Amino acid sequence: MKRYVPTLLLVIVCVAGFWYASGHSFFKKEDENAPQAYNTLQKDAITAISIHTGMGDVELERQGEAWQMVKPQAVPLNRYGVDDWLDSFTGLMHKGIVDSEPADLEPFGLKEPPRIFTVKTADGSTRTLRVGTVLPVPDYLYAKWQDRDEVVKLSTSAIDPLTRTALDFMDTTVFQFSDSDVVKLEVEYKGSMYSLQNKADSADGVKWQVGETEWKPEDAGTLFGKLHAIATQELVKPAGEVALSKPDLKVTIQMKEKSTVYVGQVNEGKLWVAQEQGPWAFSLPVATADEIVKLFQQAPAAAG
């Protein structure tokens, strides 16, 4: 038995040593390519955004609590575009330094970079991110801060959300209303009238009606959803710059508190639609008017 004692002691020492080393990360290897924070700015401090890409330049400014587009033109902004962009910008992570002191930026595509993102903060300072060409490793791009020397690699998935056009920030939805507030929806087109009316108070319990045809609530919901989905694919124009005095299409949405009227007129091969006394005119394919009418013609069959 005594001859096994040294072996047992050696095993105990080895186990204890392994336990100690494991607990102190002796066997852990630092991952040099682990993502590292690349931006210390807080998004609440940012007051202006400038985006330069091959798809055009975009500039936005914060005025009070609201953001406005100043280049290429003023447009109605969607609810999440700017906020999402700021989250992506302030949350940038790089995957390692490629060159800490590059003698020439040309090999990285950073001498005249195709993408430049600049933000301005409340104290008047600016921060500019320059993004160059693709690395030999797929899905990564060379990048650097304008005021720093080192070139790092950023993933394309980090840069793509920053590469936005003016249209990406714009609210492209033409017809805006709350479904639950709608009492009546009327469409006038080519001399015909189409009407969807809420009959929630009727004695026979009919919720919606088109002409003499009863509709289920879900059919009305489907129509509303398709109307909400109608969106422009180009920047709006100020309504005052578009001819709308002889409308080909009229959509009246009567709600509990008010009524909203949209008029549409064909000009230069496009259907321009604007809310009466509203600031913006939206461009749509001419066929959109026929598609709206079809919503009234098709949904009753689904009602069963």
C-alpha atoms as a PDB file:
ATOM      1  CA  MET A   1       0.000   0.000   0.000  1.00  0.00           C
ATOM      2  CA  LYS A   2       2.820   2.364   0.863  1.00  0.00           C
ATOM      3  CA  ARG A   3       4.214   2.128  -2.642  1.00  0.00           C
ATOM      4  CA  TYR A   4       1.009   3.740  -4.002  1.00  0.00           C
ATOM      5  CA  VAL A   5       1.194   6.758  -1.692  1.00  0.00           C
ATOM      6  CA  PRO A   6       3.553   8.846  -3.907  1.00  0.00           C
ATOM      7  CA  THR A   7       1.338   8.158  -6.925  1.00  0.00           C
ATOM      8  CA  LEU A   8      -1.780   9.193  -5.040  1.00  0.00           C
ATOM      9  CA  LEU A   9      -0.087  12.346  -3.808  1.00  0.00           C
ATOM     10  CA  LEU A  10       0.978  13.179  -7.359  1.00  0.00           C
ATOM     11  CA  VAL A  11      -2.578  12.701  -8.637  1.00  0.00           C
ATOM     12  CA  ILE A  12      -3.944  14.932  -5.874  1.00  0.00           C
ATOM     13  CA  VAL A  13      -1.384  17.643  -6.617  1.00  0.00           C
ATOM     14  CA  CYS A  14      -2.166  17.482 -10.361  1.00  0.00           C
ATOM     15  CA  VAL A  15      -5.913  17.696  -9.783  1.00  0.00           C
ATOM     16  CA  ALA A  16      -5.473  20.606  -7.392  1.00  0.00           C
ATOM     17  CA  GLY A  17      -3.179  22.354  -9.833  1.00  0.00           C
ATOM     18  CA  PHE A  18      -5.617  21.862 -12.715  1.00  0.00           C
ATOM     19  CA  TRP A  19      -8.487  23.169 -10.587  1.00  0.00           C
ATOM     20  CA  TYR A  20      -6.470  26.244  -9.591  1.00  0.00           C
ATOM     21  CA  ALA A  21      -5.335  26.955 -13.154  1.00  0.00           C
ATOM     22  CA  SER A  22      -8.860  26.574 -14.529  1.00  0.00           C
ATOM     23  CA  GLY A  23     -10.244  28.943 -11.949  1.00  0.00           C
ATOM     24  CA  HIS A  24      -7.675  31.565 -12.901  1.00  0.00           C
ATOM     25  CA  SER A  25      -8.243  31.333 -16.667  1.00  0.00           C
ATOM     26  CA  PHE A  26      -4.785  29.838 -17.312  1.00  0.00           C
ATOM     27  CA  PHE A  27      -6.212  27.765 -20.152  1.00  0.00           C
ATOM     28  CA  LYS A  28      -8.264  30.494 -21.753  1.00  0.00           C
ATOM     29  CA  LYS A  29      -6.900  32.068 -24.903  1.00  0.00           C
ATOM     30  CA  GLU A  30      -7.834  35.656 -25.625  1.00  0.00           C
ATOM     31  CA  ASP A  31      -9.742  35.994 -28.863  1.00  0.00           C
ATOM     32  CA  GLU A  32      -8.066  38.804 -30.719  1.00  0.00           C
ATOM     33  CA  ASN A  33     -10.982  38.915 -33.165  1.00  0.00           C
ATOM     34  CA  ALA A  34     -13.672  39.299 -30.533  1.00  0.00           C
ATOM     35  CA  PRO A  35     -15.957  42.269 -31.303  1.00  0.00           C
ATOM     36  CA  GLN A  36     -14.850  45.461 -29.596  1.00  0.00           C
ATOM     37  CA  ALA A  37     -16.797  48.664 -29.092  1.00  0.00           C
ATOM     38  CA  TYR A  38     -15.908  51.218 -31.763  1.00  0.00           C
ATOM     39  CA  ASN A  39     -18.013  54.195 -30.747  1.00  0.00           C
ATOM     40  CA  THR A  40     -18.324  55.959 -27.408  1.00  0.00           C
ATOM     41  CA  LEU A  41     -20.953  58.490 -28.484  1.00  0.00           C
ATOM     42  CA  GLN A  42     -24.406  58.418 -26.908  1.00  0.00           C
ATOM     43  CA  LYS A  43     -27.222  58.752 -29.406  1.00  0.00           C
ATOM     44  CA  ASP A  44     -28.988  61.432 -27.347  1.00  0.00           C
ATOM     45  CA  ALA A  45     -25.956  63.682 -27.867  1.00  0.00           C
ATOM     46  CA  ILE A  46     -26.224  63.540 -31.670  1.00  0.00           C
ATOM     47  CA  THR A  47     -27.989  66.492 -33.299  1.00  0.00           C
ATOM     48  CA  ALA A  48     -27.214  66.022 -37.007  1.00  0.00           C
ATOM     49  CA  ILE A  49     -26.518  63.172 -39.417  1.00  0.00           C
ATOM     50  CA  SER A  50     -24.798  63.230 -42.799  1.00  0.00           C
ATOM     51  CA  ILE A  51     -24.708  60.169 -45.070  1.00  0.00           C
ATOM     52  CA  HIS A  52     -22.601  60.051 -48.226  1.00  0.00           C
ATOM     53  CA  THR A  53     -22.937  56.959 -50.430  1.00  0.00           C
ATOM     54  CA  GLY A  54     -23.142  56.091 -54.085  1.00  0.00           C
ATOM     55  CA  MET A  55     -26.930  56.225 -53.745  1.00  0.00           C
ATOM     56  CA  GLY A  56     -26.919  59.930 -52.921  1.00  0.00           C
ATOM     57  CA  ASP A  57     -26.347  62.244 -49.967  1.00  0.00           C
ATOM     58  CA  VAL A  58     -28.731  62.535 -47.038  1.00  0.00           C
ATOM     59  CA  GLU A  59     -28.656  65.079 -44.210  1.00  0.00           C
ATOM     60  CA  LEU A  60     -30.906  65.221 -41.172  1.00  0.00           C
ATOM     61  CA  GLU A  61     -31.054  67.629 -38.258  1.00  0.00           C
ATOM     62  CA  ARG A  62     -32.694  67.440 -34.873  1.00  0.00           C
ATOM     63  CA  GLN A  63     -34.794  70.455 -34.040  1.00  0.00           C
ATOM     64  CA  GLY A  64     -36.012  70.211 -30.485  1.00  0.00           C
ATOM     65  CA  GLU A  65     -37.264  66.659 -30.066  1.00  0.00           C
ATOM     66  CA  ALA A  66     -38.082  66.147 -33.757  1.00  0.00           C
ATOM     67  CA  TRP A  67     -35.821  65.197 -36.654  1.00  0.00           C
ATOM     68  CA  GLN A  68     -36.121  66.782 -40.090  1.00  0.00           C
ATOM     69  CA  MET A  69     -34.503  65.982 -43.408  1.00  0.00           C
ATOM     70  CA  VAL A  70     -32.682  68.922 -44.953  1.00  0.00           C
ATOM     71  CA  LYS A  71     -31.010  67.135 -47.883  1.00  0.00           C
ATOM     72  CA  PRO A  72     -31.940  66.234 -50.555  1.00  0.00           C
ATOM     73  CA  GLN A  73     -35.269  67.780 -49.468  1.00  0.00           C
ATOM     74  CA  ALA A  74     -37.811  67.957 -46.685  1.00  0.00           C
ATOM     75  CA  VAL A  75     -39.977  64.824 -46.417  1.00  0.00           C
ATOM     76  CA  PRO A  76     -42.278  63.291 -43.812  1.00  0.00           C
ATOM     77  CA  LEU A  77     -40.082  60.988 -41.734  1.00  0.00           C
ATOM     78  CA  ASN A  78     -41.147  57.527 -40.650  1.00  0.00           C
ATOM     79  CA  ARG A  79     -41.306  56.708 -36.972  1.00  0.00           C
ATOM     80  CA  TYR A  80     -38.259  54.470 -36.556  1.00  0.00           C
ATOM     81  CA  GLY A  81     -35.744  55.314 -39.314  1.00  0.00           C
ATOM     82  CA  VAL A  82     -33.584  57.870 -37.508  1.00  0.00           C
ATOM     83  CA  ASP A  83     -33.724  56.060 -34.174  1.00  0.00           C
ATOM     84  CA  ASP A  84     -32.661  52.763 -35.755  1.00  0.00           C
ATOM     85  CA  TRP A  85     -29.813  54.494 -37.604  1.00  0.00           C
ATOM     86  CA  LEU A  86     -28.543  56.075 -34.389  1.00  0.00           C
ATOM     87  CA  ASP A  87     -28.695  52.727 -32.583  1.00  0.00           C
ATOM     88  CA  SER A  88     -26.625  51.126 -35.351  1.00  0.00           C
ATOM     89  CA  PHE A  89     -24.089  53.975 -35.404  1.00  0.00           C
ATOM     90  CA  THR A  90     -23.539  54.234 -31.662  1.00  0.00           C
ATOM     91  CA  GLY A  91     -23.482  50.445 -31.318  1.00  0.00           C
ATOM     92  CA  LEU A  92     -20.682  49.854 -33.845  1.00  0.00           C
ATOM     93  CA  MET A  93     -18.283  47.007 -33.017  1.00  0.00           C
ATOM     94  CA  HIS A  94     -15.021  46.377 -34.864  1.00  0.00           C
ATOM     95  CA  LYS A  95     -13.377  42.981 -35.354  1.00  0.00           C
ATOM     96  CA  GLY A  96      -9.755  43.986 -34.983  1.00  0.00           C
ATOM     97  CA  ILE A  97      -7.144  46.512 -36.099  1.00  0.00           C
ATOM     98  CA  VAL A  98      -5.793  45.858 -39.583  1.00  0.00           C
ATOM     99  CA  ASP A  99      -3.111  48.566 -39.573  1.00  0.00           C
ATOM    100  CA  SER A 100      -2.398  50.884 -36.646  1.00  0.00           C
ATOM    101  CA  GLU A 101      -0.435  53.457 -38.687  1.00  0.00           C
ATOM    102  CA  PRO A 102      -1.072  53.030 -42.415  1.00  0.00           C
ATOM    103  CA  ALA A 103       1.372  54.864 -44.670  1.00  0.00           C
ATOM    104  CA  ASP A 104      -1.175  54.913 -47.490  1.00  0.00           C
ATOM    105  CA  LEU A 105      -4.963  54.724 -47.299  1.00  0.00           C
ATOM    106  CA  GLU A 106      -5.422  53.887 -50.980  1.00  0.00           C
ATOM    107  CA  PRO A 107      -5.042  50.081 -50.559  1.00  0.00           C
ATOM    108  CA  PHE A 108      -7.931  50.144 -48.091  1.00  0.00           C
ATOM    109  CA  GLY A 109     -10.196  52.251 -50.298  1.00  0.00           C
ATOM    110  CA  LEU A 110     -10.096  54.975 -47.649  1.00  0.00           C
ATOM    111  CA  LYS A 111      -8.389  57.759 -49.576  1.00  0.00           C
ATOM    112  CA  GLU A 112     -11.654  58.581 -51.329  1.00  0.00           C
ATOM    113  CA  PRO A 113     -14.071  56.242 -49.566  1.00  0.00           C
ATOM    114  CA  PRO A 114     -17.397  55.310 -51.179  1.00  0.00           C
ATOM    115  CA  ARG A 115     -19.198  55.701 -47.859  1.00  0.00           C
ATOM    116  CA  ILE A 116     -18.800  58.480 -45.305  1.00  0.00           C
ATOM    117  CA  PHE A 117     -20.980  58.893 -42.214  1.00  0.00           C
ATOM    118  CA  THR A 118     -20.726  62.069 -40.139  1.00  0.00           C
ATOM    119  CA  VAL A 119     -22.584  63.067 -36.996  1.00  0.00           C
ATOM    120  CA  LYS A 120     -22.634  66.342 -35.127  1.00  0.00           C
ATOM    121  CA  THR A 121     -23.141  66.604 -31.383  1.00  0.00           C
ATOM    122  CA  ALA A 122     -24.738  69.233 -29.178  1.00  0.00           C
ATOM    123  CA  ASP A 123     -21.353  70.774 -28.333  1.00  0.00           C
ATOM    124  CA  GLY A 124     -20.660  71.430 -32.024  1.00  0.00           C
ATOM    125  CA  SER A 125     -18.071  68.682 -32.502  1.00  0.00           C
ATOM    126  CA  THR A 126     -18.247  66.176 -35.345  1.00  0.00           C
ATOM    127  CA  ARG A 127     -17.314  62.522 -35.768  1.00  0.00           C
ATOM    128  CA  THR A 128     -16.762  61.028 -39.206  1.00  0.00           C
ATOM    129  CA  LEU A 129     -16.578  57.347 -40.094  1.00  0.00           C
ATOM    130  CA  ARG A 130     -14.972  56.484 -43.428  1.00  0.00           C
ATOM    131  CA  VAL A 131     -15.743  53.072 -44.910  1.00  0.00           C
ATOM    132  CA  GLY A 132     -13.579  51.642 -47.661  1.00  0.00           C
ATOM    133  CA  THR A 133     -13.372  48.482 -49.727  1.00  0.00           C
ATOM    134  CA  VAL A 134     -14.073  44.854 -48.896  1.00  0.00           C
ATOM    135  CA  LEU A 135     -11.391  42.779 -47.162  1.00  0.00           C
ATOM    136  CA  PRO A 136     -10.108  39.545 -48.695  1.00  0.00           C
ATOM    137  CA  VAL A 137     -12.121  37.949 -45.891  1.00  0.00           C
ATOM    138  CA  PRO A 138     -15.788  37.907 -47.004  1.00  0.00           C
ATOM    139  CA  ASP A 139     -18.337  40.132 -45.277  1.00  0.00           C
ATOM    140  CA  TYR A 140     -15.865  42.648 -43.857  1.00  0.00           C
ATOM    141  CA  LEU A 141     -14.928  46.196 -44.829  1.00  0.00           C
ATOM    142  CA  TYR A 142     -11.997  48.478 -44.042  1.00  0.00           C
ATOM    143  CA  ALA A 143     -12.970  51.496 -41.957  1.00  0.00           C
ATOM    144  CA  LYS A 144     -11.475  54.271 -39.849  1.00  0.00           C
ATOM    145  CA  TRP A 145     -12.447  57.345 -37.914  1.00  0.00           C
ATOM    146  CA  GLN A 146     -11.308  60.456 -39.721  1.00  0.00           C
ATOM    147  CA  ASP A 147      -9.491  61.737 -36.628  1.00  0.00           C
ATOM    148  CA  ARG A 148      -7.700  58.453 -35.860  1.00  0.00           C
ATOM    149  CA  ASP A 149      -4.913  56.606 -37.653  1.00  0.00           C
ATOM    150  CA  GLU A 150      -5.769  52.940 -37.254  1.00  0.00           C
ATOM    151  CA  VAL A 151      -7.709  51.033 -39.881  1.00  0.00           C
ATOM    152  CA  VAL A 152     -10.100  48.418 -38.534  1.00  0.00           C
ATOM    153  CA  LYS A 153     -12.398  45.837 -40.021  1.00  0.00           C
ATOM    154  CA  LEU A 154     -16.147  46.223 -39.658  1.00  0.00           C
ATOM    155  CA  SER A 155     -18.721  43.667 -40.724  1.00  0.00           C
ATOM    156  CA  THR A 156     -20.997  44.462 -43.639  1.00  0.00           C
ATOM    157  CA  SER A 157     -23.921  43.674 -41.322  1.00  0.00           C
ATOM    158  CA  ALA A 158     -22.831  46.636 -39.163  1.00  0.00           C
ATOM    159  CA  ILE A 159     -22.441  49.031 -42.106  1.00  0.00           C
ATOM    160  CA  ASP A 160     -25.498  48.079 -44.185  1.00  0.00           C
ATOM    161  CA  PRO A 161     -27.993  49.600 -41.668  1.00  0.00           C
ATOM    162  CA  LEU A 162     -26.111  52.907 -41.953  1.00  0.00           C
ATOM    163  CA  THR A 163     -26.172  52.922 -45.761  1.00  0.00           C
ATOM    164  CA  ARG A 164     -29.596  54.478 -46.186  1.00  0.00           C
ATOM    165  CA  THR A 165     -31.235  56.648 -48.804  1.00  0.00           C
ATOM    166  CA  ALA A 166     -33.659  59.506 -48.274  1.00  0.00           C
ATOM    167  CA  LEU A 167     -36.501  57.143 -49.149  1.00  0.00           C
ATOM    168  CA  ASP A 168     -35.436  54.770 -46.348  1.00  0.00           C
ATOM    169  CA  PHE A 169     -36.102  57.524 -43.800  1.00  0.00           C
ATOM    170  CA  MET A 170     -39.343  58.743 -45.381  1.00  0.00           C
ATOM    171  CA  ASP A 171     -42.823  57.744 -44.312  1.00  0.00           C
ATOM    172  CA  THR A 172     -44.069  56.284 -47.595  1.00  0.00           C
ATOM    173  CA  THR A 173     -47.580  55.418 -46.390  1.00  0.00           C
ATOM    174  CA  VAL A 174     -50.249  57.367 -48.291  1.00  0.00           C
ATOM    175  CA  PHE A 175     -53.451  56.660 -46.338  1.00  0.00           C
ATOM    176  CA  GLN A 176     -53.070  57.133 -42.609  1.00  0.00           C
ATOM    177  CA  PHE A 177     -55.873  56.395 -40.164  1.00  0.00           C
ATOM    178  CA  SER A 178     -56.747  54.267 -37.159  1.00  0.00           C
ATOM    179  CA  ASP A 179     -58.895  51.261 -38.112  1.00  0.00           C
ATOM    180  CA  SER A 180     -60.853  51.354 -34.871  1.00  0.00           C
ATOM    181  CA  ASP A 181     -61.952  54.963 -35.507  1.00  0.00           C
ATOM    182  CA  VAL A 182     -63.393  54.400 -38.982  1.00  0.00           C
ATOM    183  CA  VAL A 183     -67.146  54.865 -39.286  1.00  0.00           C
ATOM    184  CA  LYS A 184     -67.404  55.052 -43.064  1.00  0.00           C
ATOM    185  CA  LEU A 185     -65.050  54.771 -46.022  1.00  0.00           C
ATOM    186  CA  GLU A 186     -66.037  56.142 -49.424  1.00  0.00           C
ATOM    187  CA  VAL A 187     -64.213  55.958 -52.748  1.00  0.00           C
ATOM    188  CA  GLU A 188     -65.245  57.937 -55.824  1.00  0.00           C
ATOM    189  CA  TYR A 189     -63.658  56.881 -59.107  1.00  0.00           C
ATOM    190  CA  LYS A 190     -64.731  57.216 -62.750  1.00  0.00           C
ATOM    191  CA  GLY A 191     -68.210  58.388 -61.793  1.00  0.00           C
ATOM    192  CA  SER A 192     -68.894  55.490 -59.403  1.00  0.00           C
ATOM    193  CA  MET A 193     -69.157  55.489 -55.644  1.00  0.00           C
ATOM    194  CA  TYR A 194     -68.015  52.656 -53.381  1.00  0.00           C
ATOM    195  CA  SER A 195     -68.830  52.776 -49.680  1.00  0.00           C
ATOM    196  CA  LEU A 196     -67.980  50.683 -46.638  1.00  0.00           C
ATOM    197  CA  GLN A 197     -70.034  51.606 -43.578  1.00  0.00           C
ATOM    198  CA  ASN A 198     -69.885  50.506 -39.972  1.00  0.00           C
ATOM    199  CA  LYS A 199     -73.283  49.134 -38.871  1.00  0.00           C
ATOM    200  CA  ALA A 200     -72.328  48.202 -35.348  1.00  0.00           C
ATOM    201  CA  ASP A 201     -75.520  49.711 -33.886  1.00  0.00           C
ATOM    202  CA  SER A 202     -77.942  47.993 -36.256  1.00  0.00           C
ATOM    203  CA  ALA A 203     -80.632  45.744 -34.773  1.00  0.00           C
ATOM    204  CA  ASP A 204     -79.594  42.656 -36.757  1.00  0.00           C
ATOM    205  CA  GLY A 205     -75.982  42.886 -35.547  1.00  0.00           C
ATOM    206  CA  VAL A 206     -74.379  43.556 -38.939  1.00  0.00           C
ATOM    207  CA  LYS A 207     -70.978  45.145 -38.349  1.00  0.00           C
ATOM    208  CA  TRP A 208     -70.048  46.370 -41.836  1.00  0.00           C
ATOM    209  CA  GLN A 209     -71.890  46.836 -45.082  1.00  0.00           C
ATOM    210  CA  VAL A 210     -71.047  47.604 -48.716  1.00  0.00           C
ATOM    211  CA  GLY A 211     -74.226  48.481 -50.594  1.00  0.00           C
ATOM    212  CA  GLU A 212     -76.623  45.739 -49.563  1.00  0.00           C
ATOM    213  CA  THR A 213     -73.860  43.242 -48.850  1.00  0.00           C
ATOM    214  CA  GLU A 214     -72.894  42.391 -45.299  1.00  0.00           C
ATOM    215  CA  TRP A 215     -69.233  42.193 -44.414  1.00  0.00           C
ATOM    216  CA  LYS A 216     -67.540  40.472 -41.532  1.00  0.00           C
ATOM    217  CA  PRO A 217     -65.277  42.642 -39.346  1.00  0.00           C
ATOM    218  CA  GLU A 218     -62.251  40.683 -40.550  1.00  0.00           C
ATOM    219  CA  ASP A 219     -63.099  41.553 -44.175  1.00  0.00           C
ATOM    220  CA  ALA A 220     -63.187  45.239 -43.306  1.00  0.00           C
ATOM    221  CA  GLY A 221     -59.875  44.753 -41.495  1.00  0.00           C
ATOM    222  CA  THR A 222     -58.395  43.178 -44.621  1.00  0.00           C
ATOM    223  CA  LEU A 223     -59.470  46.176 -46.722  1.00  0.00           C
ATOM    224  CA  PHE A 224     -57.991  48.598 -44.191  1.00  0.00           C
ATOM    225  CA  GLY A 225     -54.742  46.651 -44.128  1.00  0.00           C
ATOM    226  CA  LYS A 226     -54.409  46.757 -47.911  1.00  0.00           C
ATOM    227  CA  LEU A 227     -55.184  50.453 -47.934  1.00  0.00           C
ATOM    228  CA  HIS A 228     -52.479  51.052 -45.309  1.00  0.00           C
ATOM    229  CA  ALA A 229     -50.039  49.035 -47.438  1.00  0.00           C
ATOM    230  CA  ILE A 230     -50.321  51.404 -50.399  1.00  0.00           C
ATOM    231  CA  ALA A 231     -47.002  53.230 -50.418  1.00  0.00           C
ATOM    232  CA  THR A 232     -44.976  55.399 -52.758  1.00  0.00           C
ATOM    233  CA  GLN A 233     -41.619  54.347 -54.131  1.00  0.00           C
ATOM    234  CA  GLU A 234     -40.228  57.840 -54.643  1.00  0.00           C
ATOM    235  CA  LEU A 235     -39.800  61.034 -52.673  1.00  0.00           C
ATOM    236  CA  VAL A 236     -42.880  63.142 -52.055  1.00  0.00           C
ATOM    237  CA  LYS A 237     -43.496  66.550 -53.563  1.00  0.00           C
ATOM    238  CA  PRO A 238     -45.044  69.545 -51.808  1.00  0.00           C
ATOM    239  CA  ALA A 239     -48.770  69.293 -52.522  1.00  0.00           C
ATOM    240  CA  GLY A 240     -48.798  72.852 -53.858  1.00  0.00           C
ATOM    241  CA  GLU A 241     -46.478  71.813 -56.694  1.00  0.00           C
ATOM    242  CA  VAL A 242     -48.840  69.118 -58.028  1.00  0.00           C
ATOM    243  CA  ALA A 243     -52.053  69.655 -60.006  1.00  0.00           C
ATOM    244  CA  LEU A 244     -54.930  68.262 -57.946  1.00  0.00           C
ATOM    245  CA  SER A 245     -57.801  70.605 -58.793  1.00  0.00           C
ATOM    246  CA  LYS A 246     -59.554  68.041 -61.044  1.00  0.00           C
ATOM    247  CA  PRO A 247     -59.202  64.799 -59.117  1.00  0.00           C
ATOM    248  CA  ASP A 248     -59.733  61.433 -60.783  1.00  0.00           C
ATOM    249  CA  LEU A 249     -59.918  59.706 -57.393  1.00  0.00           C
ATOM    250  CA  LYS A 250     -61.405  60.753 -54.068  1.00  0.00           C
ATOM    251  CA  VAL A 251     -61.142  58.766 -50.837  1.00  0.00           C
ATOM    252  CA  THR A 252     -63.108  59.981 -47.820  1.00  0.00           C
ATOM    253  CA  ILE A 253     -62.438  58.389 -44.438  1.00  0.00           C
ATOM    254  CA  GLN A 254     -65.090  59.355 -41.910  1.00  0.00           C
ATOM    255  CA  MET A 255     -63.913  58.759 -38.373  1.00  0.00           C
ATOM    256  CA  LYS A 256     -65.495  59.226 -34.965  1.00  0.00           C
ATOM    257  CA  GLU A 257     -64.001  62.663 -34.424  1.00  0.00           C
ATOM    258  CA  LYS A 258     -63.337  63.957 -37.953  1.00  0.00           C
ATOM    259  CA  SER A 259     -63.223  63.136 -41.633  1.00  0.00           C
ATOM    260  CA  THR A 260     -60.124  63.002 -43.809  1.00  0.00           C
ATOM    261  CA  VAL A 261     -60.288  63.391 -47.577  1.00  0.00           C
ATOM    262  CA  TYR A 262     -57.626  62.287 -50.048  1.00  0.00           C
ATOM    263  CA  VAL A 263     -57.687  63.347 -53.700  1.00  0.00           C
ATOM    264  CA  GLY A 264     -55.749  61.843 -56.555  1.00  0.00           C
ATOM    265  CA  GLN A 265     -55.103  63.089 -60.065  1.00  0.00           C
ATOM    266  CA  VAL A 266     -53.182  61.561 -62.955  1.00  0.00           C
ATOM    267  CA  ASN A 267     -50.264  63.686 -64.094  1.00  0.00           C
ATOM    268  CA  GLU A 268     -47.402  62.644 -66.379  1.00  0.00           C
ATOM    269  CA  GLY A 269     -48.291  58.969 -66.184  1.00  0.00           C
ATOM    270  CA  LYS A 270     -48.525  58.876 -62.386  1.00  0.00           C
ATOM    271  CA  LEU A 271     -51.357  59.060 -59.881  1.00  0.00           C
ATOM    272  CA  TRP A 272     -50.529  61.821 -57.410  1.00  0.00           C
ATOM    273  CA  VAL A 273     -52.441  61.565 -54.126  1.00  0.00           C
ATOM    274  CA  ALA A 274     -52.584  64.134 -51.342  1.00  0.00           C
ATOM    275  CA  GLN A 275     -54.686  64.749 -48.275  1.00  0.00           C
ATOM    276  CA  GLU A 276     -56.867  67.810 -48.715  1.00  0.00           C
ATOM    277  CA  GLN A 277     -54.990  70.752 -47.217  1.00  0.00           C
ATOM    278  CA  GLY A 278     -52.126  68.365 -46.458  1.00  0.00           C
ATOM    279  CA  PRO A 279     -48.484  69.276 -47.137  1.00  0.00           C
ATOM    280  CA  TRP A 280     -47.386  66.304 -49.267  1.00  0.00           C
ATOM    281  CA  ALA A 281     -48.307  64.644 -52.570  1.00  0.00           C
ATOM    282  CA  PHE A 282     -47.438  60.968 -53.058  1.00  0.00           C
ATOM    283  CA  SER A 283     -46.708  59.367 -56.417  1.00  0.00           C
ATOM    284  CA  LEU A 284     -48.380  56.023 -57.190  1.00  0.00           C
ATOM    285  CA  PRO A 285     -48.874  53.870 -60.295  1.00  0.00           C
ATOM    286  CA  VAL A 286     -52.033  54.854 -62.165  1.00  0.00           C
ATOM    287  CA  ALA A 287     -53.355  51.313 -61.680  1.00  0.00           C
ATOM    288  CA  THR A 288     -53.540  51.917 -57.919  1.00  0.00           C
ATOM    289  CA  ALA A 289     -56.981  53.536 -58.287  1.00  0.00           C
ATOM    290  CA  ASP A 290     -58.366  50.381 -59.911  1.00  0.00           C
ATOM    291  CA  GLU A 291     -56.754  48.273 -57.191  1.00  0.00           C
ATOM    292  CA  ILE A 292     -58.540  50.313 -54.505  1.00  0.00           C
ATOM    293  CA  VAL A 293     -61.888  49.789 -56.217  1.00  0.00           C
ATOM    294  CA  LYS A 294     -61.222  46.040 -56.430  1.00  0.00           C
ATOM    295  CA  LEU A 295     -60.935  45.931 -52.645  1.00  0.00           C
ATOM    296  CA  PHE A 296     -64.665  46.676 -52.461  1.00  0.00           C
ATOM    297  CA  GLN A 297     -65.527  44.193 -55.190  1.00  0.00           C
ATOM    298  CA  GLN A 298     -63.562  41.212 -53.884  1.00  0.00           C
ATOM    299  CA  ALA A 299     -63.945  41.313 -50.128  1.00  0.00           C
ATOM    300  CA  PRO A 300     -67.732  40.549 -50.004  1.00  0.00           C
ATOM    301  CA  ALA A 301     -67.094  37.115 -51.491  1.00  0.00           C
ATOM    302  CA  ALA A 302     -64.761  36.427 -48.575  1.00  0.00           C
ATOM    303  CA  ALA A 303     -67.459  37.402 -46.130  1.00  0.00           C
ATOM    304  CA  GLY A 304     -69.431  34.266 -47.020  1.00  0.00           C
END
